[in-house]
Structures are given as structure tokens and as C-alpha cells.
């Protein structure tokens, strides 16, 4: 099945690198991959990226974006609103449905484990966990968020890692989200987010690709949602 929605919509401003990066994630589904694939990418300009159903006014401080010349984009996948640019690293998985679509929870679990193992292999010493949404955290601080786009024959999961991001800028550009995990407990961005610190991105990608050569999701994970 072809994804008819445009991968990314520019709401205002310019961020060509961010647009190309998001388009590259969705291009992993065209044509459908014969086997699971992964990619990572970064961009030099800062951009705010909303999930497909998120409300711009509720999630983003548009005046702050305009004054800082930060572009605002909307991607064709779910999930929340993120800030990408210097200090973040984006990753993506395209997972074909070899024996019927796995559950969304199973996709999040598998990809979360792959990312956590790859981060450890690339030099991140912190103990990383994931929550039910698939987001990654160190202790009580979030270090990565994820989003999904599901087609009939494959699922795209992509995420953003906070490596050395300007957390103050993120707090200035984003409003408090309308929906949040219970463990956030209403904390503002500066009390909720954290950076992982620098690591070897090449080793990270190589580790992801090697891990994808392992057996796919088990039958027990293929419960439909």
C-alpha cells in the first residue's frame, strides 16, 4: 500500500535539512523493504516538528519560533512535538510485516531494545529504560521520543535522541504538552528532559543494522491492536 499523505508539511519558515531528513525516513517505505532497515541522520538547522494530529497553537510557541527564525513542520506520523537540530540525532526503522502486522507495543519494545543496546555499544554508559509510549529515559529524565506510521505491509518507527541539545531553547519553543505520561508529573521541559552526551554515531548505526539481522518479532508479539 502506498502512503498517500506527504511525509512532511512546512507550516512556516525554512529547514531544508530537516525536511530532507524526514522525507528520507518515509522513503524507506517506498518501495516496501524486503527486510528490516535502519538509518540515522542529523541536521544543522533547528526545527519544531509536530505529530500528524497535534495542535499547533496548543503545542508550540509560534512567536518564539518566529523571533528565533525556527521553522515549524508537521510530519505524517503520530507521536508528540519535538525540536530537532544541533545536538540531536534522528533514527528510523522500516519494518516489513512478514507474517502480518505485529502489535504497536511489540514494535516499540523491539526498537527500544535495539536503540538501547546500540547506545551502550557506542559509548553511552547511562542505564536507559523505556516507557509504554516507546520514549526512552534515564532515571526520571526523557532522552528520546518516538513516532510511528503504519501501512498495510510495513511500519515506520522514527525517533529523536537528545545528545547535546539546547534544552533551554526547547523549553522556549514548546508549550507544555496537552498529553503526557504519568511519570512526568507535570514537570516543565527543563525538569523533564536530559541529554545523553556525545557518542559514536557511526557505531550506533552499525549496531542497529547488525541487530536487525537477528530473528524478527516472535509470534507472541504479533497480537493485533
N, C-alpha and C. Protein backbone atom coordinates (compact mmCIF):
# COMPACT_ATOMS: atom_id res chain seq x y z
N UNK A 1 0.85 -1.19 0.00
CA UNK A 1 0.00 0.00 0.00
C UNK A 1 0.88 1.24 0.00
N UNK A 2 0.57 2.21 -0.84
CA UNK A 2 1.35 3.43 -0.92
C UNK A 2 0.85 4.44 0.09
N UNK A 3 1.77 5.12 0.74
CA UNK A 3 1.42 6.17 1.68
C UNK A 3 1.10 7.43 0.88
N UNK A 4 -0.18 7.87 0.86
CA UNK A 4 -0.60 8.98 0.03
C UNK A 4 -0.40 10.33 0.72
N UNK A 5 -0.24 10.36 2.02
CA UNK A 5 -0.01 11.61 2.72
C UNK A 5 1.44 12.06 2.51
N UNK A 6 1.64 13.35 2.29
CA UNK A 6 3.00 13.87 2.15
C UNK A 6 3.78 13.60 3.44
N UNK A 7 5.04 13.21 3.34
CA UNK A 7 5.81 12.89 4.56
C UNK A 7 5.93 14.05 5.53
N UNK A 8 6.05 15.27 5.00
CA UNK A 8 6.25 16.43 5.87
C UNK A 8 5.63 17.65 5.23
N UNK A 9 5.02 18.49 6.06
CA UNK A 9 4.43 19.75 5.63
C UNK A 9 5.15 20.89 6.35
N UNK A 10 5.54 21.89 5.60
CA UNK A 10 6.18 23.07 6.18
C UNK A 10 5.09 24.06 6.57
N UNK A 11 4.94 24.31 7.86
CA UNK A 11 3.91 25.24 8.33
C UNK A 11 4.38 26.67 8.26
N UNK A 12 5.64 26.91 8.62
CA UNK A 12 6.27 28.19 8.33
C UNK A 12 7.77 28.08 8.54
N UNK A 13 8.49 29.01 7.88
CA UNK A 13 9.94 29.01 7.96
C UNK A 13 10.59 28.08 6.95
N UNK A 14 11.89 27.94 7.07
CA UNK A 14 12.66 27.08 6.18
C UNK A 14 13.62 26.22 6.99
N UNK A 15 13.65 24.94 6.67
CA UNK A 15 14.57 23.99 7.32
C UNK A 15 14.79 22.84 6.35
N UNK A 16 15.56 23.11 5.30
CA UNK A 16 15.70 22.14 4.22
C UNK A 16 16.30 20.82 4.70
N UNK A 17 17.28 20.88 5.60
CA UNK A 17 17.89 19.65 6.09
C UNK A 17 16.92 18.81 6.88
N UNK A 18 16.09 19.46 7.71
CA UNK A 18 15.10 18.72 8.49
C UNK A 18 14.06 18.10 7.57
N UNK A 19 13.62 18.85 6.56
CA UNK A 19 12.63 18.32 5.61
C UNK A 19 13.20 17.11 4.88
N UNK A 20 14.43 17.23 4.40
CA UNK A 20 15.05 16.10 3.68
C UNK A 20 15.20 14.89 4.60
N UNK A 21 15.55 15.13 5.86
CA UNK A 21 15.71 14.03 6.79
C UNK A 21 14.42 13.27 7.03
N UNK A 22 13.33 14.01 7.25
CA UNK A 22 12.03 13.37 7.46
C UNK A 22 11.58 12.66 6.20
N UNK A 23 11.76 13.30 5.07
CA UNK A 23 11.40 12.64 3.80
C UNK A 23 12.20 11.35 3.62
N UNK A 24 13.46 11.36 4.04
CA UNK A 24 14.28 10.16 3.93
C UNK A 24 13.76 9.02 4.78
N UNK A 25 13.21 9.34 5.95
CA UNK A 25 12.61 8.30 6.78
C UNK A 25 11.46 7.62 6.04
N UNK A 26 10.55 8.42 5.49
CA UNK A 26 9.39 7.85 4.81
C UNK A 26 9.77 7.15 3.51
N UNK A 27 10.87 7.60 2.90
CA UNK A 27 11.33 6.95 1.67
C UNK A 27 11.76 5.51 1.91
N UNK A 28 12.04 5.15 3.15
CA UNK A 28 12.38 3.77 3.48
C UNK A 28 11.21 2.82 3.19
N UNK A 29 10.00 3.37 3.08
CA UNK A 29 8.81 2.56 2.81
C UNK A 29 8.46 2.49 1.33
N UNK A 30 9.21 3.17 0.49
CA UNK A 30 8.91 3.25 -0.94
C UNK A 30 10.13 2.83 -1.75
N UNK A 31 10.19 1.63 -2.29
CA UNK A 31 9.20 0.56 -2.15
C UNK A 31 9.31 -0.10 -0.78
N UNK A 32 8.37 -0.97 -0.47
CA UNK A 32 8.40 -1.66 0.80
C UNK A 32 9.70 -2.46 0.93
N UNK A 33 10.37 -2.36 2.07
CA UNK A 33 11.62 -3.10 2.22
C UNK A 33 11.38 -4.60 2.33
N UNK A 34 12.31 -5.36 1.79
CA UNK A 34 12.21 -6.83 1.88
C UNK A 34 12.65 -7.32 3.25
N UNK A 35 13.45 -6.52 3.94
CA UNK A 35 13.95 -6.87 5.27
C UNK A 35 14.01 -5.59 6.10
N UNK A 36 14.06 -5.70 7.43
CA UNK A 36 14.14 -4.51 8.26
C UNK A 36 15.38 -3.67 7.93
N UNK A 37 15.19 -2.35 7.93
CA UNK A 37 16.29 -1.44 7.65
C UNK A 37 16.28 -0.31 8.67
N UNK A 38 17.45 0.32 8.85
CA UNK A 38 17.60 1.42 9.80
C UNK A 38 18.46 2.51 9.18
N UNK A 39 18.25 3.73 9.64
CA UNK A 39 19.09 4.85 9.22
C UNK A 39 19.19 5.84 10.36
N UNK A 40 20.20 6.69 10.34
CA UNK A 40 20.31 7.81 11.27
C UNK A 40 20.65 9.06 10.47
N UNK A 41 20.29 10.21 11.01
CA UNK A 41 20.60 11.46 10.33
C UNK A 41 20.56 12.61 11.32
N UNK A 42 21.18 13.71 10.90
CA UNK A 42 21.20 14.93 11.70
C UNK A 42 21.00 16.12 10.78
N UNK A 43 20.66 17.26 11.34
CA UNK A 43 20.52 18.48 10.54
C UNK A 43 21.12 19.65 11.30
N UNK A 44 21.55 20.66 10.57
CA UNK A 44 22.25 21.77 11.20
C UNK A 44 21.32 22.87 11.65
N UNK A 45 20.10 22.94 11.04
CA UNK A 45 19.17 23.99 11.44
C UNK A 45 18.17 23.43 12.45
N UNK A 46 17.69 24.31 13.31
CA UNK A 46 16.70 23.91 14.31
C UNK A 46 15.30 23.95 13.70
N UNK A 47 14.50 22.94 14.02
CA UNK A 47 13.11 22.91 13.55
C UNK A 47 12.24 22.27 14.62
N UNK A 48 11.03 22.78 14.73
CA UNK A 48 9.99 22.16 15.55
C UNK A 48 9.18 21.24 14.64
N UNK A 49 8.94 20.00 15.09
CA UNK A 49 8.23 19.03 14.27
C UNK A 49 7.06 18.47 15.07
N UNK A 50 5.85 18.72 14.57
CA UNK A 50 4.64 18.22 15.22
C UNK A 50 4.25 16.86 14.66
N UNK A 51 3.63 16.03 15.52
CA UNK A 51 2.99 14.82 15.05
C UNK A 51 1.77 15.16 14.21
N UNK A 52 1.31 14.19 13.45
CA UNK A 52 0.29 14.45 12.44
C UNK A 52 -1.00 15.02 13.03
N UNK A 53 -1.33 14.65 14.26
CA UNK A 53 -2.61 15.09 14.83
C UNK A 53 -2.47 16.15 15.93
N UNK A 54 -1.25 16.64 16.15
CA UNK A 54 -1.05 17.59 17.24
C UNK A 54 -1.46 19.01 16.83
N UNK A 55 -1.97 19.77 17.81
CA UNK A 55 -2.47 21.12 17.58
C UNK A 55 -1.33 22.13 17.69
N UNK A 56 -1.13 22.90 16.63
CA UNK A 56 -0.01 23.84 16.58
C UNK A 56 -0.06 24.85 17.72
N UNK A 57 -1.19 25.51 17.90
CA UNK A 57 -1.29 26.56 18.91
C UNK A 57 -1.11 26.02 20.32
N UNK A 58 -1.60 24.80 20.54
CA UNK A 58 -1.52 24.23 21.88
C UNK A 58 -0.12 23.73 22.22
N UNK A 59 0.65 23.33 21.20
CA UNK A 59 1.94 22.66 21.44
C UNK A 59 3.15 23.55 21.25
N UNK A 60 3.01 24.61 20.46
CA UNK A 60 4.17 25.39 20.02
C UNK A 60 3.98 26.87 20.34
N UNK A 61 5.05 27.50 20.82
CA UNK A 61 5.06 28.95 20.99
C UNK A 61 5.48 29.55 19.64
N UNK A 62 4.49 29.89 18.82
CA UNK A 62 4.78 30.36 17.46
C UNK A 62 5.56 31.66 17.46
N UNK A 63 5.29 32.55 18.41
CA UNK A 63 6.02 33.81 18.46
C UNK A 63 7.50 33.56 18.75
N UNK A 64 7.78 32.62 19.64
CA UNK A 64 9.17 32.30 19.94
C UNK A 64 9.86 31.70 18.73
N UNK A 65 9.16 30.86 17.98
CA UNK A 65 9.74 30.28 16.76
C UNK A 65 10.03 31.37 15.73
N UNK A 66 9.09 32.29 15.57
CA UNK A 66 9.28 33.36 14.58
C UNK A 66 10.44 34.25 14.96
N UNK A 67 10.52 34.63 16.22
CA UNK A 67 11.60 35.54 16.64
C UNK A 67 12.97 34.90 16.54
N UNK A 68 13.02 33.57 16.66
CA UNK A 68 14.30 32.85 16.56
C UNK A 68 14.52 32.26 15.17
N UNK A 69 13.60 32.52 14.25
CA UNK A 69 13.68 32.01 12.88
C UNK A 69 13.78 30.48 12.85
N UNK A 70 12.95 29.87 13.66
CA UNK A 70 12.89 28.41 13.73
C UNK A 70 11.70 27.94 12.90
N UNK A 71 11.93 27.05 11.98
CA UNK A 71 10.86 26.51 11.14
C UNK A 71 9.96 25.59 11.95
N UNK A 72 8.71 25.50 11.52
CA UNK A 72 7.75 24.59 12.14
C UNK A 72 7.23 23.66 11.05
N UNK A 73 7.34 22.36 11.31
CA UNK A 73 6.96 21.33 10.35
C UNK A 73 5.93 20.39 10.97
N UNK A 74 5.22 19.68 10.10
CA UNK A 74 4.32 18.62 10.56
C UNK A 74 4.66 17.35 9.79
N UNK A 75 4.93 16.27 10.51
CA UNK A 75 5.27 15.00 9.87
C UNK A 75 4.03 14.13 9.76
N UNK A 76 4.08 13.15 8.87
CA UNK A 76 2.94 12.26 8.63
C UNK A 76 2.99 11.02 9.50
N UNK A 77 3.40 11.19 10.73
CA UNK A 77 3.40 10.08 11.69
C UNK A 77 2.86 10.60 13.01
N UNK A 78 2.53 9.68 13.89
CA UNK A 78 1.95 10.07 15.17
C UNK A 78 3.00 10.62 16.12
N UNK A 79 2.71 10.50 17.41
CA UNK A 79 3.66 10.98 18.40
C UNK A 79 3.50 12.45 18.69
N UNK A 80 4.36 12.94 19.59
CA UNK A 80 4.27 14.32 20.05
C UNK A 80 5.10 15.28 19.24
N UNK A 81 5.32 16.45 19.81
CA UNK A 81 6.08 17.52 19.16
C UNK A 81 7.50 17.52 19.68
N UNK A 82 8.46 17.62 18.77
CA UNK A 82 9.87 17.58 19.14
C UNK A 82 10.60 18.75 18.50
N UNK A 83 11.77 19.04 19.05
CA UNK A 83 12.69 20.01 18.46
C UNK A 83 13.91 19.25 18.00
N UNK A 84 14.26 19.40 16.71
CA UNK A 84 15.43 18.74 16.17
C UNK A 84 16.41 19.79 15.66
N UNK A 85 17.67 19.39 15.55
CA UNK A 85 18.68 20.32 15.07
C UNK A 85 20.01 20.03 15.73
N UNK A 86 20.86 21.04 15.90
CA UNK A 86 22.16 20.82 16.55
C UNK A 86 21.98 20.15 17.92
N UNK A 87 22.71 19.08 18.15
CA UNK A 87 22.62 18.40 19.43
C UNK A 87 21.61 17.29 19.49
N UNK A 88 20.91 17.02 18.39
CA UNK A 88 20.01 15.86 18.35
C UNK A 88 20.45 14.92 17.23
N UNK A 89 20.09 13.65 17.40
CA UNK A 89 20.34 12.65 16.36
C UNK A 89 19.03 11.91 16.12
N UNK A 90 18.65 11.81 14.86
CA UNK A 90 17.41 11.15 14.49
C UNK A 90 17.71 9.74 13.98
N UNK A 91 16.85 8.80 14.31
CA UNK A 91 17.00 7.42 13.83
C UNK A 91 15.65 6.94 13.32
N UNK A 92 15.68 5.93 12.45
CA UNK A 92 14.43 5.40 11.90
C UNK A 92 14.59 3.93 11.57
N UNK A 93 13.49 3.19 11.74
CA UNK A 93 13.39 1.79 11.36
C UNK A 93 12.22 1.63 10.40
N UNK A 94 12.40 0.86 9.35
CA UNK A 94 11.30 0.40 8.50
C UNK A 94 11.22 -1.11 8.65
N UNK A 95 10.09 -1.59 9.14
CA UNK A 95 9.94 -3.00 9.48
C UNK A 95 8.83 -3.61 8.64
N UNK A 96 9.16 -4.49 7.70
CA UNK A 96 8.13 -5.13 6.88
C UNK A 96 7.31 -6.10 7.72
N UNK A 97 6.06 -6.29 7.33
CA UNK A 97 5.16 -7.21 8.02
C UNK A 97 5.23 -8.57 7.32
N UNK A 98 6.19 -9.38 7.71
CA UNK A 98 6.42 -10.65 7.03
C UNK A 98 5.29 -11.65 7.26
N UNK A 99 4.68 -11.63 8.43
CA UNK A 99 3.64 -12.60 8.75
C UNK A 99 2.46 -11.91 9.43
N UNK A 100 2.06 -10.79 8.86
CA UNK A 100 1.00 -10.00 9.46
C UNK A 100 1.59 -8.93 10.36
N UNK A 101 0.88 -7.83 10.55
CA UNK A 101 1.42 -6.72 11.34
C UNK A 101 1.61 -7.10 12.80
N UNK A 102 2.79 -6.84 13.37
CA UNK A 102 2.97 -7.03 14.81
C UNK A 102 2.20 -5.95 15.57
N UNK A 103 2.01 -6.13 16.84
CA UNK A 103 1.34 -5.11 17.64
C UNK A 103 2.22 -3.87 17.71
N UNK A 104 1.59 -2.73 17.90
CA UNK A 104 2.33 -1.49 18.05
C UNK A 104 3.25 -1.57 19.26
N UNK A 105 2.76 -2.15 20.35
CA UNK A 105 3.60 -2.30 21.54
C UNK A 105 4.83 -3.15 21.25
N UNK A 106 4.66 -4.20 20.43
CA UNK A 106 5.78 -5.06 20.10
C UNK A 106 6.82 -4.31 19.28
N UNK A 107 6.38 -3.47 18.34
CA UNK A 107 7.31 -2.67 17.55
C UNK A 107 8.09 -1.73 18.46
N UNK A 108 7.39 -1.07 19.36
CA UNK A 108 8.07 -0.14 20.27
C UNK A 108 9.08 -0.87 21.15
N UNK A 109 8.69 -2.04 21.66
CA UNK A 109 9.61 -2.79 22.52
C UNK A 109 10.85 -3.21 21.76
N UNK A 110 10.64 -3.75 20.56
CA UNK A 110 11.78 -4.23 19.79
C UNK A 110 12.73 -3.09 19.44
N UNK A 111 12.18 -2.01 18.91
CA UNK A 111 13.04 -0.89 18.50
C UNK A 111 13.69 -0.23 19.70
N UNK A 112 12.95 -0.13 20.80
CA UNK A 112 13.55 0.45 22.00
C UNK A 112 14.74 -0.34 22.49
N UNK A 113 14.61 -1.66 22.48
CA UNK A 113 15.71 -2.51 22.91
C UNK A 113 16.91 -2.38 21.96
N UNK A 114 16.63 -2.33 20.66
CA UNK A 114 17.71 -2.17 19.69
C UNK A 114 18.46 -0.86 19.91
N UNK A 115 17.72 0.21 20.15
CA UNK A 115 18.35 1.51 20.36
C UNK A 115 19.15 1.52 21.65
N UNK A 116 18.60 0.97 22.70
CA UNK A 116 19.31 0.94 23.98
C UNK A 116 20.60 0.15 23.87
N UNK A 117 20.56 -1.01 23.22
CA UNK A 117 21.78 -1.82 23.05
C UNK A 117 22.80 -1.10 22.17
N UNK A 118 22.32 -0.44 21.12
CA UNK A 118 23.24 0.27 20.23
C UNK A 118 23.88 1.46 20.92
N UNK A 119 23.13 2.14 21.76
CA UNK A 119 23.71 3.25 22.52
C UNK A 119 24.81 2.76 23.47
N UNK A 120 24.55 1.63 24.12
CA UNK A 120 25.57 1.06 25.01
C UNK A 120 26.82 0.69 24.23
N UNK A 121 26.64 0.12 23.03
CA UNK A 121 27.78 -0.27 22.21
C UNK A 121 28.55 0.94 21.71
N UNK A 122 27.88 2.09 21.58
CA UNK A 122 28.53 3.28 21.02
C UNK A 122 29.11 4.21 22.07
N UNK A 123 29.04 3.80 23.34
CA UNK A 123 29.73 4.57 24.37
C UNK A 123 28.87 5.25 25.40
N UNK A 124 27.56 5.05 25.38
CA UNK A 124 26.68 5.65 26.39
C UNK A 124 26.66 4.74 27.61
N UNK A 125 27.13 5.26 28.73
CA UNK A 125 27.25 4.44 29.94
C UNK A 125 25.98 4.43 30.77
N UNK A 126 25.10 5.42 30.58
CA UNK A 126 23.90 5.53 31.41
C UNK A 126 22.96 4.35 31.19
N UNK A 127 22.23 4.00 32.23
CA UNK A 127 21.21 2.95 32.14
C UNK A 127 19.94 3.56 31.57
N UNK A 128 19.50 3.06 30.42
CA UNK A 128 18.37 3.64 29.70
C UNK A 128 17.19 2.69 29.77
N UNK A 129 16.01 3.23 30.08
CA UNK A 129 14.78 2.46 30.11
C UNK A 129 13.79 3.08 29.12
N UNK A 130 12.67 2.39 28.91
CA UNK A 130 11.62 2.91 28.04
C UNK A 130 10.28 2.81 28.74
N UNK A 131 9.35 3.70 28.34
CA UNK A 131 8.01 3.65 28.92
C UNK A 131 7.04 3.07 27.90
N UNK A 132 5.75 3.06 28.24
CA UNK A 132 4.76 2.43 27.37
C UNK A 132 4.64 3.12 26.01
N UNK A 133 5.00 4.40 25.95
CA UNK A 133 4.90 5.13 24.69
C UNK A 133 6.05 4.82 23.75
N UNK A 134 7.10 4.15 24.27
CA UNK A 134 8.29 3.90 23.49
C UNK A 134 9.38 4.92 23.72
N UNK A 135 9.07 6.02 24.42
CA UNK A 135 10.08 7.02 24.72
C UNK A 135 11.15 6.42 25.65
N UNK A 136 12.37 6.94 25.53
CA UNK A 136 13.49 6.46 26.34
C UNK A 136 13.81 7.46 27.44
N UNK A 137 14.22 6.94 28.58
CA UNK A 137 14.56 7.84 29.68
C UNK A 137 15.71 7.28 30.50
N UNK A 138 16.43 8.19 31.13
CA UNK A 138 17.49 7.87 32.08
C UNK A 138 17.00 8.35 33.44
N UNK A 139 16.71 7.42 34.32
CA UNK A 139 16.07 7.79 35.58
C UNK A 139 14.71 8.39 35.29
N UNK A 140 14.48 9.60 35.76
CA UNK A 140 13.20 10.27 35.54
C UNK A 140 13.29 11.33 34.45
N UNK A 141 14.34 11.28 33.64
CA UNK A 141 14.53 12.28 32.58
C UNK A 141 14.42 11.63 31.20
N UNK A 142 13.61 12.24 30.35
CA UNK A 142 13.42 11.74 28.99
C UNK A 142 14.60 12.13 28.11
N UNK A 143 15.09 11.14 27.33
CA UNK A 143 16.23 11.39 26.44
C UNK A 143 15.89 11.11 24.98
N UNK A 144 14.72 10.56 24.70
CA UNK A 144 14.34 10.28 23.32
C UNK A 144 12.83 10.11 23.23
N UNK A 145 12.27 10.56 22.11
CA UNK A 145 10.86 10.35 21.81
C UNK A 145 10.71 9.65 20.48
N UNK A 146 9.60 8.92 20.30
CA UNK A 146 9.39 8.16 19.08
C UNK A 146 8.02 8.46 18.48
N UNK A 147 7.90 8.13 17.20
CA UNK A 147 6.64 8.26 16.46
C UNK A 147 6.54 7.11 15.48
N UNK A 148 5.31 6.75 15.10
CA UNK A 148 5.09 5.64 14.17
C UNK A 148 4.18 6.06 13.03
N UNK A 149 4.41 5.39 11.91
CA UNK A 149 3.49 5.45 10.77
C UNK A 149 3.30 4.02 10.30
N UNK A 150 2.09 3.52 10.35
CA UNK A 150 1.82 2.13 9.99
C UNK A 150 1.08 2.06 8.66
N UNK A 151 1.62 1.28 7.74
CA UNK A 151 0.97 0.96 6.48
C UNK A 151 0.55 -0.51 6.51
N UNK A 152 -0.07 -0.97 5.45
CA UNK A 152 -0.53 -2.35 5.45
C UNK A 152 0.63 -3.34 5.53
N UNK A 153 1.71 -3.04 4.83
CA UNK A 153 2.79 -4.01 4.67
C UNK A 153 4.04 -3.70 5.48
N UNK A 154 4.10 -2.55 6.15
CA UNK A 154 5.31 -2.19 6.90
C UNK A 154 4.97 -1.10 7.91
N UNK A 155 5.83 -0.99 8.91
CA UNK A 155 5.71 0.05 9.92
C UNK A 155 6.99 0.87 9.96
N UNK A 156 6.83 2.19 10.00
CA UNK A 156 7.95 3.10 10.22
C UNK A 156 7.93 3.55 11.66
N UNK A 157 9.04 3.36 12.36
CA UNK A 157 9.23 3.96 13.69
C UNK A 157 10.45 4.85 13.59
N UNK A 158 10.28 6.12 13.97
CA UNK A 158 11.44 7.00 14.00
C UNK A 158 11.44 7.80 15.29
N UNK A 159 12.64 8.22 15.68
CA UNK A 159 12.80 8.87 16.97
C UNK A 159 13.90 9.91 16.95
N UNK A 160 13.93 10.71 18.00
CA UNK A 160 14.93 11.76 18.17
C UNK A 160 15.63 11.56 19.50
N UNK A 161 16.96 11.47 19.46
CA UNK A 161 17.79 11.35 20.65
C UNK A 161 18.33 12.72 21.04
N UNK A 162 18.22 13.06 22.31
CA UNK A 162 18.83 14.28 22.84
C UNK A 162 20.28 13.94 23.20
N UNK A 163 21.20 14.48 22.43
CA UNK A 163 22.63 14.18 22.63
C UNK A 163 23.30 15.34 23.38
N UNK A 164 23.26 16.50 22.77
CA UNK A 164 23.80 17.71 23.40
C UNK A 164 22.92 18.88 22.99
N UNK A 165 21.63 18.71 23.11
CA UNK A 165 20.66 19.70 22.66
C UNK A 165 20.60 20.88 23.62
N UNK A 166 20.15 22.01 23.09
CA UNK A 166 19.92 23.20 23.90
C UNK A 166 18.55 23.05 24.57
N UNK A 167 18.55 22.56 25.79
CA UNK A 167 17.28 22.29 26.47
C UNK A 167 16.53 23.57 26.79
N UNK A 168 17.26 24.64 27.02
CA UNK A 168 16.60 25.93 27.24
C UNK A 168 15.84 26.40 26.01
N UNK A 169 16.42 26.15 24.83
CA UNK A 169 15.74 26.51 23.59
C UNK A 169 14.48 25.67 23.40
N UNK A 170 14.59 24.37 23.68
CA UNK A 170 13.41 23.51 23.58
C UNK A 170 12.30 24.03 24.49
N UNK A 171 12.65 24.40 25.72
CA UNK A 171 11.66 24.91 26.66
C UNK A 171 11.03 26.21 26.18
N UNK A 172 11.80 27.01 25.44
CA UNK A 172 11.28 28.27 24.93
C UNK A 172 10.35 28.07 23.74
N UNK A 173 10.59 27.04 22.94
CA UNK A 173 9.83 26.84 21.71
C UNK A 173 8.56 26.02 21.90
N UNK A 174 8.57 25.12 22.87
CA UNK A 174 7.44 24.21 23.07
C UNK A 174 6.63 24.58 24.30
N UNK A 175 5.32 24.52 24.15
CA UNK A 175 4.45 24.67 25.31
C UNK A 175 4.39 23.33 26.05
N UNK A 176 3.83 23.35 27.24
CA UNK A 176 3.64 22.09 27.96
C UNK A 176 2.64 21.24 27.17
N UNK A 177 2.96 19.96 26.92
CA UNK A 177 2.07 19.15 26.08
C UNK A 177 0.72 18.89 26.75
N UNK A 178 -0.29 18.80 25.88
CA UNK A 178 -1.63 18.52 26.39
C UNK A 178 -1.73 17.12 26.95
N UNK A 179 -0.95 16.20 26.38
CA UNK A 179 -0.91 14.81 26.87
C UNK A 179 0.51 14.50 27.32
N UNK A 180 0.62 13.82 28.45
CA UNK A 180 1.94 13.49 28.98
C UNK A 180 1.87 12.18 29.76
N UNK A 181 2.99 11.46 29.86
CA UNK A 181 2.98 10.23 30.66
C UNK A 181 2.83 10.56 32.14
N UNK A 182 2.25 9.63 32.88
CA UNK A 182 2.01 9.87 34.30
C UNK A 182 3.30 10.17 35.05
N UNK A 183 4.40 9.52 34.63
CA UNK A 183 5.65 9.70 35.36
C UNK A 183 6.27 11.07 35.15
N UNK A 184 5.78 11.84 34.19
CA UNK A 184 6.27 13.22 34.05
C UNK A 184 5.84 14.08 35.21
N UNK A 185 4.64 13.84 35.73
CA UNK A 185 4.12 14.51 36.92
C UNK A 185 4.07 16.03 36.76
N UNK A 186 3.74 16.48 35.55
CA UNK A 186 3.57 17.90 35.33
C UNK A 186 4.84 18.72 35.27
N UNK A 187 5.98 18.08 35.25
CA UNK A 187 7.25 18.82 35.26
C UNK A 187 7.44 19.61 33.96
N UNK A 188 7.99 20.83 34.06
CA UNK A 188 8.31 21.58 32.85
C UNK A 188 9.45 20.92 32.08
N UNK A 189 9.65 21.36 30.85
CA UNK A 189 10.65 20.71 29.99
C UNK A 189 12.03 20.65 30.64
N UNK A 190 12.45 21.74 31.26
CA UNK A 190 13.81 21.77 31.82
C UNK A 190 13.99 20.79 32.97
N UNK A 191 12.90 20.41 33.61
CA UNK A 191 12.98 19.44 34.70
C UNK A 191 12.67 18.02 34.24
N UNK A 192 12.35 17.88 32.96
CA UNK A 192 11.92 16.58 32.43
C UNK A 192 12.89 16.00 31.41
N UNK A 193 13.57 16.85 30.66
CA UNK A 193 14.46 16.40 29.58
C UNK A 193 15.91 16.34 30.05
N UNK A 194 16.69 15.51 29.34
CA UNK A 194 18.13 15.42 29.63
C UNK A 194 18.85 14.99 28.36
N UNK A 195 20.12 15.33 28.29
CA UNK A 195 20.98 14.92 27.19
C UNK A 195 21.74 13.65 27.53
N UNK A 196 21.97 12.83 26.52
CA UNK A 196 22.76 11.61 26.69
C UNK A 196 24.25 11.89 26.74
N UNK A 197 24.69 12.97 26.12
CA UNK A 197 26.11 13.21 25.93
C UNK A 197 26.56 12.61 24.61
N UNK A 198 27.73 13.01 24.16
CA UNK A 198 28.21 12.58 22.84
C UNK A 198 28.56 11.09 22.83
N UNK A 199 28.32 10.47 21.69
CA UNK A 199 28.68 9.06 21.47
C UNK A 199 29.00 8.89 20.00
N UNK A 200 29.48 7.71 19.63
CA UNK A 200 29.90 7.45 18.26
C UNK A 200 28.67 7.08 17.41
N UNK A 201 28.22 8.02 16.58
CA UNK A 201 27.02 7.79 15.78
C UNK A 201 27.22 6.70 14.74
N UNK A 202 28.43 6.56 14.21
CA UNK A 202 28.69 5.50 13.23
C UNK A 202 28.56 4.12 13.86
N UNK A 203 29.10 3.97 15.07
CA UNK A 203 28.99 2.70 15.78
C UNK A 203 27.52 2.44 16.12
N UNK A 204 26.82 3.47 16.50
CA UNK A 204 25.39 3.35 16.81
C UNK A 204 24.63 2.77 15.62
N UNK A 205 24.83 3.34 14.43
CA UNK A 205 24.13 2.86 13.24
C UNK A 205 24.56 1.44 12.88
N UNK A 206 25.84 1.15 12.94
CA UNK A 206 26.31 -0.20 12.64
C UNK A 206 25.70 -1.22 13.59
N UNK A 207 25.58 -0.85 14.87
CA UNK A 207 24.99 -1.76 15.85
C UNK A 207 23.52 -2.01 15.55
N UNK A 208 22.79 -0.96 15.16
CA UNK A 208 21.39 -1.13 14.80
C UNK A 208 21.25 -2.09 13.62
N UNK A 209 22.07 -1.89 12.61
CA UNK A 209 21.94 -2.72 11.40
C UNK A 209 22.31 -4.17 11.67
N UNK A 210 23.33 -4.39 12.49
CA UNK A 210 23.67 -5.78 12.84
C UNK A 210 22.54 -6.43 13.62
N UNK A 211 21.94 -5.67 14.53
CA UNK A 211 20.88 -6.24 15.36
C UNK A 211 19.66 -6.60 14.52
N UNK A 212 19.40 -5.85 13.45
CA UNK A 212 18.24 -6.13 12.61
C UNK A 212 18.40 -7.42 11.83
N UNK A 213 19.60 -7.97 11.78
CA UNK A 213 19.81 -9.24 11.11
C UNK A 213 19.37 -10.42 11.98
N UNK A 214 19.05 -10.14 13.25
CA UNK A 214 18.58 -11.20 14.14
C UNK A 214 17.14 -11.57 13.79
N UNK A 215 16.61 -12.66 14.37
CA UNK A 215 15.24 -13.07 14.05
C UNK A 215 14.24 -11.96 14.33
N UNK A 216 13.17 -11.88 13.53
CA UNK A 216 12.15 -10.84 13.73
C UNK A 216 11.30 -11.11 14.95
N UNK A 217 10.27 -10.31 15.13
CA UNK A 217 9.36 -10.44 16.26
C UNK A 217 8.77 -11.84 16.33
N UNK A 218 8.60 -12.35 17.52
CA UNK A 218 8.05 -13.69 17.71
C UNK A 218 6.55 -13.68 17.47
N UNK A 219 6.00 -14.89 17.30
CA UNK A 219 4.56 -15.00 17.07
C UNK A 219 3.78 -14.39 18.22
N UNK A 220 4.30 -14.50 19.44
CA UNK A 220 3.61 -13.95 20.59
C UNK A 220 3.51 -12.44 20.56
N UNK A 221 4.40 -11.80 19.79
CA UNK A 221 4.37 -10.35 19.66
C UNK A 221 3.43 -9.88 18.57
N UNK A 222 2.84 -10.80 17.82
CA UNK A 222 2.08 -10.41 16.66
C UNK A 222 0.58 -10.28 16.94
N UNK A 223 0.25 -10.02 18.20
CA UNK A 223 -1.13 -9.76 18.56
C UNK A 223 -1.54 -8.42 17.99
N UNK A 224 -2.59 -8.39 17.23
CA UNK A 224 -3.03 -7.15 16.60
C UNK A 224 -3.66 -6.23 17.63
N UNK A 225 -3.48 -4.92 17.35
CA UNK A 225 -4.13 -3.92 18.18
C UNK A 225 -5.14 -3.16 17.34
